[in-house]
């Protein structure tokens, strides 16, 4: 089991941020995690990565129960792509060095590298269409280019779980669609890790994400097959009467009701 959460809750300053969340993710499944700002998505991700602990309930990640696992070793098996990480990277470093650092889950390179490491980094940069700017300073790249480099970095350690935490934030429509196309290509590859795609935009949810968890006010609103959850009627109910959710091909769109 990749994630096995049973009635986990998390409280901060007498406020329950997560309440009785039960969620199981099996190897090979790809999930979308959907919720508005303040729904508890970030708290749940921090918990999965072992940065905070449930105040109640039980949690196992990659078949390793919290309380019995070395969290530093666990994190090496999880690739987490987030805007917070991008802000911690050195802007003068080139993408190849950043991808290589993913092997050690470090900011910067402090360990010896092998020829195989360098070959793998180049392969990942090529897979994510980053080869043409692999020697440029990271700080000069566009937001879309940075996100592709971060995904390559997350794959460097061959993780069992890849978390894409709102990867389309700050991207224009063209960069967003290019990135989503690459994510779908990765998800359908034979050696893809289990993936969790975090968003509050239903239009970003791709057909490759066959399961969906809806979080609302810190609780599980619904969880299961995307085909059953991602319907216009259900998502309109999830967001409230002030929106219109419509089906366009194999994706949804959302608009504010006038």
C-alpha atoms as a PDB file:
ATOM      1  CA  UNK A   1       0.000   0.000   0.000  1.00  0.00           C
ATOM      2  CA  UNK A   2       1.401   3.394  -0.994  1.00  0.00           C
ATOM      3  CA  UNK A   3      -0.738   5.382   1.470  1.00  0.00           C
ATOM      4  CA  UNK A   4      -2.915   3.904   4.197  1.00  0.00           C
ATOM      5  CA  UNK A   5      -4.522   6.613   6.317  1.00  0.00           C
ATOM      6  CA  UNK A   6      -7.163   5.633   8.841  1.00  0.00           C
ATOM      7  CA  UNK A   7      -9.192   8.391  10.509  1.00  0.00           C
ATOM      8  CA  UNK A   8      -6.248  10.771  10.717  1.00  0.00           C
ATOM      9  CA  UNK A   9      -6.782  14.219  12.173  1.00  0.00           C
ATOM     10  CA  UNK A  10      -4.522  17.184  12.826  1.00  0.00           C
ATOM     11  CA  UNK A  11      -5.211  20.000  15.235  1.00  0.00           C
ATOM     12  CA  UNK A  12      -3.458  23.360  15.541  1.00  0.00           C
ATOM     13  CA  UNK A  13      -4.232  25.928  18.220  1.00  0.00           C
ATOM     14  CA  UNK A  14      -7.531  24.207  19.075  1.00  0.00           C
ATOM     15  CA  UNK A  15      -8.565  24.205  15.429  1.00  0.00           C
ATOM     16  CA  UNK A  16      -9.045  20.888  13.634  1.00  0.00           C
ATOM     17  CA  UNK A  17      -7.387  21.365  10.229  1.00  0.00           C
ATOM     18  CA  UNK A  18      -7.923  17.734   9.188  1.00  0.00           C
ATOM     19  CA  UNK A  19     -10.693  15.572  10.637  1.00  0.00           C
ATOM     20  CA  UNK A  20     -11.121  11.792  10.332  1.00  0.00           C
ATOM     21  CA  UNK A  21      -9.462  11.465   6.928  1.00  0.00           C
ATOM     22  CA  UNK A  22      -9.390   7.894   5.632  1.00  0.00           C
ATOM     23  CA  UNK A  23      -7.562   7.343   2.339  1.00  0.00           C
ATOM     24  CA  UNK A  24      -5.940   4.360   0.673  1.00  0.00           C
ATOM     25  CA  UNK A  25      -3.698   4.646  -2.377  1.00  0.00           C
ATOM     26  CA  UNK A  26      -2.490   1.435  -4.013  1.00  0.00           C
ATOM     27  CA  UNK A  27       0.617   0.952  -6.121  1.00  0.00           C
ATOM     28  CA  UNK A  28       0.064   1.911  -9.742  1.00  0.00           C
ATOM     29  CA  UNK A  29      -2.928   4.168  -9.083  1.00  0.00           C
ATOM     30  CA  UNK A  30      -2.822   7.831 -10.078  1.00  0.00           C
ATOM     31  CA  UNK A  31      -4.856  10.218  -7.946  1.00  0.00           C
ATOM     32  CA  UNK A  32      -6.018  13.797  -8.195  1.00  0.00           C
ATOM     33  CA  UNK A  33      -6.360  15.573  -4.836  1.00  0.00           C
ATOM     34  CA  UNK A  34      -8.841  18.420  -5.180  1.00  0.00           C
ATOM     35  CA  UNK A  35      -9.865  21.129  -2.750  1.00  0.00           C
ATOM     36  CA  UNK A  36     -10.135  24.890  -2.441  1.00  0.00           C
ATOM     37  CA  UNK A  37      -7.614  26.942  -0.472  1.00  0.00           C
ATOM     38  CA  UNK A  38      -7.928  26.077   3.199  1.00  0.00           C
ATOM     39  CA  UNK A  39      -9.373  22.624   2.572  1.00  0.00           C
ATOM     40  CA  UNK A  40      -6.400  20.862   4.194  1.00  0.00           C
ATOM     41  CA  UNK A  41      -4.483  19.744   1.087  1.00  0.00           C
ATOM     42  CA  UNK A  42      -1.124  21.162   2.190  1.00  0.00           C
ATOM     43  CA  UNK A  43      -1.518  19.764   5.708  1.00  0.00           C
ATOM     44  CA  UNK A  44      -2.258  16.310   4.302  1.00  0.00           C
ATOM     45  CA  UNK A  45       0.805  16.465   2.027  1.00  0.00           C
ATOM     46  CA  UNK A  46       3.066  17.532   4.897  1.00  0.00           C
ATOM     47  CA  UNK A  47       1.758  14.583   6.882  1.00  0.00           C
ATOM     48  CA  UNK A  48       2.411  12.103   4.067  1.00  0.00           C
ATOM     49  CA  UNK A  49       5.978  13.416   3.842  1.00  0.00           C
ATOM     50  CA  UNK A  50       6.465  13.128   7.603  1.00  0.00           C
ATOM     51  CA  UNK A  51       6.868  16.829   8.362  1.00  0.00           C
ATOM     52  CA  UNK A  52       3.926  16.739  10.760  1.00  0.00           C
ATOM     53  CA  UNK A  53       2.267  13.824  12.570  1.00  0.00           C
ATOM     54  CA  UNK A  54      -1.418  13.014  12.970  1.00  0.00           C
ATOM     55  CA  UNK A  55      -2.827  14.089  16.309  1.00  0.00           C
ATOM     56  CA  UNK A  56      -5.084  11.038  16.061  1.00  0.00           C
ATOM     57  CA  UNK A  57      -5.525   8.080  13.744  1.00  0.00           C
ATOM     58  CA  UNK A  58      -2.910   5.883  12.038  1.00  0.00           C
ATOM     59  CA  UNK A  59      -0.825   6.482   8.925  1.00  0.00           C
ATOM     60  CA  UNK A  60       1.456   4.261   6.846  1.00  0.00           C
ATOM     61  CA  UNK A  61       3.324   5.445   3.757  1.00  0.00           C
ATOM     62  CA  UNK A  62       5.010   2.953   1.413  1.00  0.00           C
ATOM     63  CA  UNK A  63       4.017   0.167   3.841  1.00  0.00           C
ATOM     64  CA  UNK A  64       5.947   1.869   6.642  1.00  0.00           C
ATOM     65  CA  UNK A  65       3.904   2.860   9.709  1.00  0.00           C
ATOM     66  CA  UNK A  66       4.576   6.222  11.271  1.00  0.00           C
ATOM     67  CA  UNK A  67       6.273   5.721  14.609  1.00  0.00           C
ATOM     68  CA  UNK A  68       8.449   2.906  13.264  1.00  0.00           C
ATOM     69  CA  UNK A  69       9.975   4.488  10.158  1.00  0.00           C
ATOM     70  CA  UNK A  70      13.086   6.620   9.568  1.00  0.00           C
ATOM     71  CA  UNK A  71      11.413   9.649   8.006  1.00  0.00           C
ATOM     72  CA  UNK A  72      14.602  10.861   6.348  1.00  0.00           C
ATOM     73  CA  UNK A  73      14.880   7.572   4.457  1.00  0.00           C
ATOM     74  CA  UNK A  74      11.160   7.585   3.663  1.00  0.00           C
ATOM     75  CA  UNK A  75      11.379  11.029   2.056  1.00  0.00           C
ATOM     76  CA  UNK A  76      14.043   9.757  -0.346  1.00  0.00           C
ATOM     77  CA  UNK A  77      11.384   7.434  -1.789  1.00  0.00           C
ATOM     78  CA  UNK A  78       8.907  10.281  -2.329  1.00  0.00           C
ATOM     79  CA  UNK A  79       9.259  12.861  -5.084  1.00  0.00           C
ATOM     80  CA  UNK A  80       7.498  16.100  -4.115  1.00  0.00           C
ATOM     81  CA  UNK A  81       7.269  18.944  -6.641  1.00  0.00           C
ATOM     82  CA  UNK A  82       6.140  22.217  -5.082  1.00  0.00           C
ATOM     83  CA  UNK A  83       6.580  25.961  -5.524  1.00  0.00           C
ATOM     84  CA  UNK A  84       8.117  26.079  -2.044  1.00  0.00           C
ATOM     85  CA  UNK A  85      11.015  23.938  -3.272  1.00  0.00           C
ATOM     86  CA  UNK A  86      11.607  26.160  -6.295  1.00  0.00           C
ATOM     87  CA  UNK A  87      12.090  29.129  -3.973  1.00  0.00           C
ATOM     88  CA  UNK A  88      14.813  27.301  -2.010  1.00  0.00           C
ATOM     89  CA  UNK A  89      16.963  26.398  -5.030  1.00  0.00           C
ATOM     90  CA  UNK A  90      19.970  28.498  -5.994  1.00  0.00           C
ATOM     91  CA  UNK A  91      19.088  30.638  -9.018  1.00  0.00           C
ATOM     92  CA  UNK A  92      22.638  30.384 -10.435  1.00  0.00           C
ATOM     93  CA  UNK A  93      22.600  26.563 -10.543  1.00  0.00           C
ATOM     94  CA  UNK A  94      21.947  24.921 -13.884  1.00  0.00           C
ATOM     95  CA  UNK A  95      19.111  22.401 -14.385  1.00  0.00           C
ATOM     96  CA  UNK A  96      21.443  19.405 -14.674  1.00  0.00           C
ATOM     97  CA  UNK A  97      22.939  20.071 -11.221  1.00  0.00           C
ATOM     98  CA  UNK A  98      19.456  20.562  -9.770  1.00  0.00           C
ATOM     99  CA  UNK A  99      18.251  17.270 -11.234  1.00  0.00           C
ATOM    100  CA  UNK A 100      21.335  15.463  -9.920  1.00  0.00           C
ATOM    101  CA  UNK A 101      20.666  16.797  -6.408  1.00  0.00           C
ATOM    102  CA  UNK A 102      17.368  14.911  -6.489  1.00  0.00           C
ATOM    103  CA  UNK A 103      19.256  11.661  -5.964  1.00  0.00           C
ATOM    104  CA  UNK A 104      20.182  12.817  -2.469  1.00  0.00           C
ATOM    105  CA  UNK A 105      17.083  14.939  -1.712  1.00  0.00           C
ATOM    106  CA  UNK A 106      19.452  17.836  -1.049  1.00  0.00           C
ATOM    107  CA  UNK A 107      19.607  21.508  -1.973  1.00  0.00           C
ATOM    108  CA  UNK A 108      22.938  21.613  -3.803  1.00  0.00           C
ATOM    109  CA  UNK A 109      25.394  18.809  -4.520  1.00  0.00           C
ATOM    110  CA  UNK A 110      27.570  17.521  -1.701  1.00  0.00           C
ATOM    111  CA  UNK A 111      28.021  13.837  -2.590  1.00  0.00           C
ATOM    112  CA  UNK A 112      30.072  12.032  -5.205  1.00  0.00           C
ATOM    113  CA  UNK A 113      28.364  11.370  -8.523  1.00  0.00           C
ATOM    114  CA  UNK A 114      28.811   8.496 -10.943  1.00  0.00           C
ATOM    115  CA  UNK A 115      28.722   8.465 -14.723  1.00  0.00           C
ATOM    116  CA  UNK A 116      25.412   6.600 -14.444  1.00  0.00           C
ATOM    117  CA  UNK A 117      24.014   9.443 -12.338  1.00  0.00           C
ATOM    118  CA  UNK A 118      24.956  12.001 -14.966  1.00  0.00           C
ATOM    119  CA  UNK A 119      23.529   9.838 -17.751  1.00  0.00           C
ATOM    120  CA  UNK A 120      20.244   9.428 -15.901  1.00  0.00           C
ATOM    121  CA  UNK A 121      19.983  13.175 -15.280  1.00  0.00           C
ATOM    122  CA  UNK A 122      20.460  13.873 -18.978  1.00  0.00           C
ATOM    123  CA  UNK A 123      17.823  11.247 -19.858  1.00  0.00           C
ATOM    124  CA  UNK A 124      15.309  12.819 -17.479  1.00  0.00           C
ATOM    125  CA  UNK A 125      16.008  16.300 -18.820  1.00  0.00           C
ATOM    126  CA  UNK A 126      15.390  14.973 -22.314  1.00  0.00           C
ATOM    127  CA  UNK A 127      12.195  13.193 -21.211  1.00  0.00           C
ATOM    128  CA  UNK A 128      10.827  16.461 -19.806  1.00  0.00           C
ATOM    129  CA  UNK A 129      12.017  18.465 -22.851  1.00  0.00           C
ATOM    130  CA  UNK A 130      14.624  20.401 -20.862  1.00  0.00           C
ATOM    131  CA  UNK A 131      17.789  19.565 -22.811  1.00  0.00           C
ATOM    132  CA  UNK A 132      17.806  22.834 -24.762  1.00  0.00           C
ATOM    133  CA  UNK A 133      18.248  24.902 -21.586  1.00  0.00           C
ATOM    134  CA  UNK A 134      20.059  22.422 -19.329  1.00  0.00           C
ATOM    135  CA  UNK A 135      23.134  24.669 -19.009  1.00  0.00           C
ATOM    136  CA  UNK A 136      21.287  27.923 -18.279  1.00  0.00           C
ATOM    137  CA  UNK A 137      20.972  29.326 -14.730  1.00  0.00           C
ATOM    138  CA  UNK A 138      17.760  28.083 -13.099  1.00  0.00           C
ATOM    139  CA  UNK A 139      16.774  31.638 -12.167  1.00  0.00           C
ATOM    140  CA  UNK A 140      16.556  32.662 -15.840  1.00  0.00           C
ATOM    141  CA  UNK A 141      14.040  29.965 -16.788  1.00  0.00           C
ATOM    142  CA  UNK A 142      10.321  30.519 -17.304  1.00  0.00           C
ATOM    143  CA  UNK A 143       7.897  29.144 -14.718  1.00  0.00           C
ATOM    144  CA  UNK A 144       6.940  26.288 -17.012  1.00  0.00           C
ATOM    145  CA  UNK A 145      10.580  25.373 -17.626  1.00  0.00           C
ATOM    146  CA  UNK A 146      11.275  25.435 -13.886  1.00  0.00           C
ATOM    147  CA  UNK A 147       8.395  23.059 -13.186  1.00  0.00           C
ATOM    148  CA  UNK A 148       9.660  20.574 -15.771  1.00  0.00           C
ATOM    149  CA  UNK A 149      13.133  20.683 -14.195  1.00  0.00           C
ATOM    150  CA  UNK A 150      11.600  20.058 -10.767  1.00  0.00           C
ATOM    151  CA  UNK A 151       9.696  17.022 -12.037  1.00  0.00           C
ATOM    152  CA  UNK A 152      12.920  15.648 -13.532  1.00  0.00           C
ATOM    153  CA  UNK A 153      14.634  16.255 -10.181  1.00  0.00           C
ATOM    154  CA  UNK A 154      11.857  14.419  -8.339  1.00  0.00           C
ATOM    155  CA  UNK A 155      12.307  11.399 -10.631  1.00  0.00           C
ATOM    156  CA  UNK A 156      16.073  11.226 -10.151  1.00  0.00           C
ATOM    157  CA  UNK A 157      15.839   8.956  -7.095  1.00  0.00           C
ATOM    158  CA  UNK A 158      13.313   6.631  -8.819  1.00  0.00           C
ATOM    159  CA  UNK A 159      10.622   7.362  -6.216  1.00  0.00           C
ATOM    160  CA  UNK A 160       7.740   5.030  -5.508  1.00  0.00           C
ATOM    161  CA  UNK A 161       5.439   8.028  -5.048  1.00  0.00           C
ATOM    162  CA  UNK A 162       5.458  11.295  -7.022  1.00  0.00           C
ATOM    163  CA  UNK A 163       3.450  14.239  -5.669  1.00  0.00           C
ATOM    164  CA  UNK A 164       2.803  17.183  -7.992  1.00  0.00           C
ATOM    165  CA  UNK A 165       1.621  19.987  -5.724  1.00  0.00           C
ATOM    166  CA  UNK A 166      -0.318  22.487  -7.850  1.00  0.00           C
ATOM    167  CA  UNK A 167       2.345  22.394 -10.598  1.00  0.00           C
ATOM    168  CA  UNK A 168       0.382  24.650 -12.953  1.00  0.00           C
ATOM    169  CA  UNK A 169       0.258  27.653 -10.624  1.00  0.00           C
ATOM    170  CA  UNK A 170       1.651  30.738 -12.325  1.00  0.00           C
ATOM    171  CA  UNK A 171       1.710  29.192 -15.814  1.00  0.00           C
ATOM    172  CA  UNK A 172       0.066  30.733 -18.844  1.00  0.00           C
ATOM    173  CA  UNK A 173      -2.375  28.559 -20.783  1.00  0.00           C
ATOM    174  CA  UNK A 174       0.250  27.373 -23.286  1.00  0.00           C
ATOM    175  CA  UNK A 175       2.831  26.431 -20.645  1.00  0.00           C
ATOM    176  CA  UNK A 176       0.096  24.739 -18.604  1.00  0.00           C
ATOM    177  CA  UNK A 177      -1.045  22.544 -21.472  1.00  0.00           C
ATOM    178  CA  UNK A 178       2.550  21.618 -22.382  1.00  0.00           C
ATOM    179  CA  UNK A 179       3.206  20.617 -18.790  1.00  0.00           C
ATOM    180  CA  UNK A 180      -0.038  18.642 -18.508  1.00  0.00           C
ATOM    181  CA  UNK A 181       0.790  16.800 -21.728  1.00  0.00           C
ATOM    182  CA  UNK A 182       4.152  15.752 -20.278  1.00  0.00           C
ATOM    183  CA  UNK A 183       2.516  14.677 -17.004  1.00  0.00           C
ATOM    184  CA  UNK A 184       0.089  12.476 -18.918  1.00  0.00           C
ATOM    185  CA  UNK A 185       2.929  10.987 -20.959  1.00  0.00           C
ATOM    186  CA  UNK A 186       4.791  10.206 -17.742  1.00  0.00           C
ATOM    187  CA  UNK A 187       1.724   8.673 -16.084  1.00  0.00           C
ATOM    188  CA  UNK A 188       1.180   6.285 -18.983  1.00  0.00           C
ATOM    189  CA  UNK A 189       4.820   5.136 -19.122  1.00  0.00           C
ATOM    190  CA  UNK A 190       5.497   1.554 -18.018  1.00  0.00           C
ATOM    191  CA  UNK A 191       7.811   2.528 -15.155  1.00  0.00           C
ATOM    192  CA  UNK A 192       5.763   5.456 -13.802  1.00  0.00           C
ATOM    193  CA  UNK A 193       5.615   5.861 -10.028  1.00  0.00           C
ATOM    194  CA  UNK A 194       2.262   6.167  -8.304  1.00  0.00           C
ATOM    195  CA  UNK A 195       1.259   9.806  -8.776  1.00  0.00           C
ATOM    196  CA  UNK A 196      -0.789  12.338  -6.821  1.00  0.00           C
ATOM    197  CA  UNK A 197      -1.757  15.522  -8.662  1.00  0.00           C
ATOM    198  CA  UNK A 198      -2.877  18.320  -6.333  1.00  0.00           C
ATOM    199  CA  UNK A 199      -5.049  21.129  -7.666  1.00  0.00           C
ATOM    200  CA  UNK A 200      -8.095  23.300  -7.084  1.00  0.00           C
ATOM    201  CA  UNK A 201      -8.717  23.667 -10.844  1.00  0.00           C
ATOM    202  CA  UNK A 202     -10.849  20.807 -12.165  1.00  0.00           C
ATOM    203  CA  UNK A 203      -9.779  21.644 -15.720  1.00  0.00           C
ATOM    204  CA  UNK A 204      -6.261  20.399 -14.929  1.00  0.00           C
ATOM    205  CA  UNK A 205      -7.396  16.866 -14.061  1.00  0.00           C
ATOM    206  CA  UNK A 206      -6.269  14.547 -16.836  1.00  0.00           C
ATOM    207  CA  UNK A 207      -7.723  11.179 -17.879  1.00  0.00           C
ATOM    208  CA  UNK A 208      -4.621   9.427 -16.492  1.00  0.00           C
ATOM    209  CA  UNK A 209      -5.737  10.269 -12.936  1.00  0.00           C
ATOM    210  CA  UNK A 210      -8.130   7.396 -12.456  1.00  0.00           C
ATOM    211  CA  UNK A 211      -8.924   8.127  -8.795  1.00  0.00           C
ATOM    212  CA  UNK A 212      -9.897  11.364  -7.035  1.00  0.00           C
ATOM    213  CA  UNK A 213     -10.038  12.555  -3.434  1.00  0.00           C
ATOM    214  CA  UNK A 214     -12.148  15.638  -2.759  1.00  0.00           C
ATOM    215  CA  UNK A 215     -11.241  17.542   0.416  1.00  0.00           C
ATOM    216  CA  UNK A 216     -13.572  20.146   1.846  1.00  0.00           C
ATOM    217  CA  UNK A 217     -13.059  21.981   5.144  1.00  0.00           C
ATOM    218  CA  UNK A 218     -10.555  19.381   6.305  1.00  0.00           C
ATOM    219  CA  UNK A 219     -12.752  16.337   5.696  1.00  0.00           C
ATOM    220  CA  UNK A 220     -13.147  13.830   2.875  1.00  0.00           C
ATOM    221  CA  UNK A 221     -16.081  14.964   0.754  1.00  0.00           C
ATOM    222  CA  UNK A 222     -15.735  12.034  -1.655  1.00  0.00           C
ATOM    223  CA  UNK A 223     -13.105   9.490  -2.667  1.00  0.00           C
ATOM    224  CA  UNK A 224     -13.040   6.920  -5.443  1.00  0.00           C
ATOM    225  CA  UNK A 225     -13.004   6.499  -9.198  1.00  0.00           C
ATOM    226  CA  UNK A 226     -12.610   9.763 -11.077  1.00  0.00           C
ATOM    227  CA  UNK A 227     -15.230   8.688 -13.609  1.00  0.00           C
ATOM    228  CA  UNK A 228     -17.840   8.615 -10.834  1.00  0.00           C
ATOM    229  CA  UNK A 229     -16.713  11.740  -8.987  1.00  0.00           C
ATOM    230  CA  UNK A 230     -15.742  14.146 -11.764  1.00  0.00           C
ATOM    231  CA  UNK A 231     -19.203  14.760 -13.171  1.00  0.00           C
ATOM    232  CA  UNK A 232     -20.603  18.250 -13.717  1.00  0.00           C
ATOM    233  CA  UNK A 233     -23.463  17.603 -11.285  1.00  0.00           C
ATOM    234  CA  UNK A 234     -21.249  16.296  -8.503  1.00  0.00           C
ATOM    235  CA  UNK A 235     -18.577  18.979  -8.848  1.00  0.00           C
ATOM    236  CA  UNK A 236     -21.180  21.745  -8.952  1.00  0.00           C
ATOM    237  CA  UNK A 237     -22.492  20.409  -5.640  1.00  0.00           C
ATOM    238  CA  UNK A 238     -18.926  20.262  -4.280  1.00  0.00           C
ATOM    239  CA  UNK A 239     -18.105  23.870  -5.168  1.00  0.00           C
ATOM    240  CA  UNK A 240     -21.566  25.263  -4.390  1.00  0.00           C
ATOM    241  CA  UNK A 241     -24.396  26.895  -6.268  1.00  0.00           C
ATOM    242  CA  UNK A 242     -22.272  29.860  -7.336  1.00  0.00           C
ATOM    243  CA  UNK A 243     -20.455  27.929 -10.089  1.00  0.00           C
ATOM    244  CA  UNK A 244     -21.198  26.066 -13.296  1.00  0.00           C
ATOM    245  CA  UNK A 245     -19.143  22.964 -14.087  1.00  0.00           C
ATOM    246  CA  UNK A 246     -19.334  21.597 -17.626  1.00  0.00           C
ATOM    247  CA  UNK A 247     -17.836  18.653 -19.504  1.00  0.00           C
ATOM    248  CA  UNK A 248     -15.572  19.411 -22.487  1.00  0.00           C
ATOM    249  CA  UNK A 249     -14.198  16.253 -24.062  1.00  0.00           C
ATOM    250  CA  UNK A 250     -12.371  14.279 -21.396  1.00  0.00           C
ATOM    251  CA  UNK A 251     -11.940  17.265 -19.032  1.00  0.00           C
ATOM    252  CA  UNK A 252     -14.138  19.608 -17.035  1.00  0.00           C
ATOM    253  CA  UNK A 253     -14.317  23.395 -16.949  1.00  0.00           C
ATOM    254  CA  UNK A 254     -15.634  25.706 -14.261  1.00  0.00           C
ATOM    255  CA  UNK A 255     -17.168  29.168 -14.445  1.00  0.00           C
ATOM    256  CA  UNK A 256     -18.733  31.556 -11.957  1.00  0.00           C
ATOM    257  CA  UNK A 257     -22.507  31.720 -12.263  1.00  0.00           C
ATOM    258  CA  UNK A 258     -23.619  35.230 -13.274  1.00  0.00           C
END
